Amino acid sequence: MKGQLWQECPVCDGQPVCVDCELCARHCDCAQRADDADQVRQFEQRNPGLLERVQRHSEQGAAEH
């Protein structure tokens, strides 16, 4: 959890909350989202354009059904 604000979490009314998402430590997923973004960046560096091609292929398949 990045920083703290002394206000209530909108999910459970717990305090303090994260300055970025305004959720308590139990509900904050900022660290997980940052880790996910880092993994995507690393994958994209090793496999340039692959994620975009897979997404485009997936969208084309969904449009056909």
C-alpha atoms as a PDB file:
ATOM      1  CA  MET A   1       0.000   0.000   0.000  1.00  0.00           C
ATOM      2  CA  LYS A   2       1.493   3.304  -1.087  1.00  0.00           C
ATOM      3  CA  GLY A   3       1.163   6.022   1.532  1.00  0.00           C
ATOM      4  CA  GLN A   4      -1.786   6.377   3.841  1.00  0.00           C
ATOM      5  CA  LEU A   5      -4.881   8.489   4.090  1.00  0.00           C
ATOM      6  CA  TRP A   6      -6.953   8.431   7.244  1.00  0.00           C
ATOM      7  CA  GLN A   7     -10.313   7.905   5.656  1.00  0.00           C
ATOM      8  CA  GLU A   8     -12.593   4.898   5.420  1.00  0.00           C
ATOM      9  CA  CYS A   9     -12.245   2.177   2.803  1.00  0.00           C
ATOM     10  CA  PRO A  10     -15.376   2.175   0.613  1.00  0.00           C
ATOM     11  CA  VAL A  11     -15.459  -1.643   0.759  1.00  0.00           C
ATOM     12  CA  CYS A  12     -15.121  -2.323   4.485  1.00  0.00           C
ATOM     13  CA  ASP A  13     -14.767   1.057   6.264  1.00  0.00           C
ATOM     14  CA  GLY A  14     -11.249   0.069   7.396  1.00  0.00           C
ATOM     15  CA  GLN A  15      -8.524   2.686   7.851  1.00  0.00           C
ATOM     16  CA  PRO A  16      -6.022   3.849   6.673  1.00  0.00           C
ATOM     17  CA  VAL A  17      -6.354   3.674   2.905  1.00  0.00           C
ATOM     18  CA  CYS A  18      -3.875   3.798   0.017  1.00  0.00           C
ATOM     19  CA  VAL A  19      -3.278   7.245  -1.474  1.00  0.00           C
ATOM     20  CA  ASP A  20      -3.576   5.842  -5.007  1.00  0.00           C
ATOM     21  CA  CYS A  21      -6.686   3.652  -4.926  1.00  0.00           C
ATOM     22  CA  GLU A  22      -8.253   4.794  -1.624  1.00  0.00           C
ATOM     23  CA  LEU A  23      -8.718   1.196  -0.446  1.00  0.00           C
ATOM     24  CA  CYS A  24      -7.444  -0.298   2.828  1.00  0.00           C
ATOM     25  CA  ALA A  25      -4.427  -2.623   2.893  1.00  0.00           C
ATOM     26  CA  ARG A  26      -6.727  -5.650   2.714  1.00  0.00           C
ATOM     27  CA  HIS A  27      -8.400  -4.468  -0.503  1.00  0.00           C
ATOM     28  CA  CYS A  28      -5.596  -2.457  -2.155  1.00  0.00           C
ATOM     29  CA  ASP A  29      -4.225  -4.140  -5.274  1.00  0.00           C
ATOM     30  CA  CYS A  30      -1.855  -1.380  -6.403  1.00  0.00           C
ATOM     31  CA  ALA A  31       1.265  -3.500  -5.809  1.00  0.00           C
ATOM     32  CA  GLN A  32      -0.234  -6.398  -7.774  1.00  0.00           C
ATOM     33  CA  ARG A  33      -1.196  -4.117 -10.663  1.00  0.00           C
ATOM     34  CA  ALA A  34       2.335  -2.652 -10.695  1.00  0.00           C
ATOM     35  CA  ASP A  35       3.826  -6.175 -10.743  1.00  0.00           C
ATOM     36  CA  ASP A  36       1.470  -7.175 -13.571  1.00  0.00           C
ATOM     37  CA  ALA A  37       2.430  -4.105 -15.609  1.00  0.00           C
ATOM     38  CA  ASP A  38       6.128  -4.868 -15.047  1.00  0.00           C
ATOM     39  CA  GLN A  39       5.637  -8.453 -16.243  1.00  0.00           C
ATOM     40  CA  VAL A  40       3.842  -7.211 -19.360  1.00  0.00           C
ATOM     41  CA  ARG A  41       6.688  -4.759 -20.068  1.00  0.00           C
ATOM     42  CA  GLN A  42       9.286  -7.496 -19.660  1.00  0.00           C
ATOM     43  CA  PHE A  43       7.332  -9.886 -21.888  1.00  0.00           C
ATOM     44  CA  GLU A  44       6.882  -7.206 -24.536  1.00  0.00           C
ATOM     45  CA  GLN A  45      10.634  -6.480 -24.492  1.00  0.00           C
ATOM     46  CA  ARG A  46      11.387 -10.165 -25.097  1.00  0.00           C
ATOM     47  CA  ASN A  47       8.542 -10.658 -27.604  1.00  0.00           C
ATOM     48  CA  PRO A  48       7.922  -7.356 -29.412  1.00  0.00           C
ATOM     49  CA  GLY A  49       4.390  -7.084 -30.805  1.00  0.00           C
ATOM     50  CA  LEU A  50       3.278 -10.572 -29.746  1.00  0.00           C
ATOM     51  CA  LEU A  51       0.693  -9.411 -27.196  1.00  0.00           C
ATOM     52  CA  GLU A  52      -0.848  -7.046 -29.733  1.00  0.00           C
ATOM     53  CA  ARG A  53      -1.069  -9.826 -32.351  1.00  0.00           C
ATOM     54  CA  VAL A  54      -2.652 -12.227 -29.855  1.00  0.00           C
ATOM     55  CA  GLN A  55      -5.182  -9.603 -28.776  1.00  0.00           C
ATOM     56  CA  ARG A  56      -6.051  -8.785 -32.390  1.00  0.00           C
ATOM     57  CA  HIS A  57      -6.480 -12.495 -33.176  1.00  0.00           C
ATOM     58  CA  SER A  58      -8.692 -12.944 -30.104  1.00  0.00           C
ATOM     59  CA  GLU A  59     -10.867  -9.967 -31.066  1.00  0.00           C
ATOM     60  CA  GLN A  60     -11.245 -11.256 -34.628  1.00  0.00           C
ATOM     61  CA  GLY A  61     -12.328 -14.658 -33.321  1.00  0.00           C
ATOM     62  CA  ALA A  62     -14.873 -13.096 -30.980  1.00  0.00           C
ATOM     63  CA  ALA A  63     -16.293 -10.964 -33.813  1.00  0.00           C
ATOM     64  CA  GLU A  64     -16.862 -14.070 -35.927  1.00  0.00           C
ATOM     65  CA  HIS A  65     -19.102 -15.683 -33.296  1.00  0.00           C
END
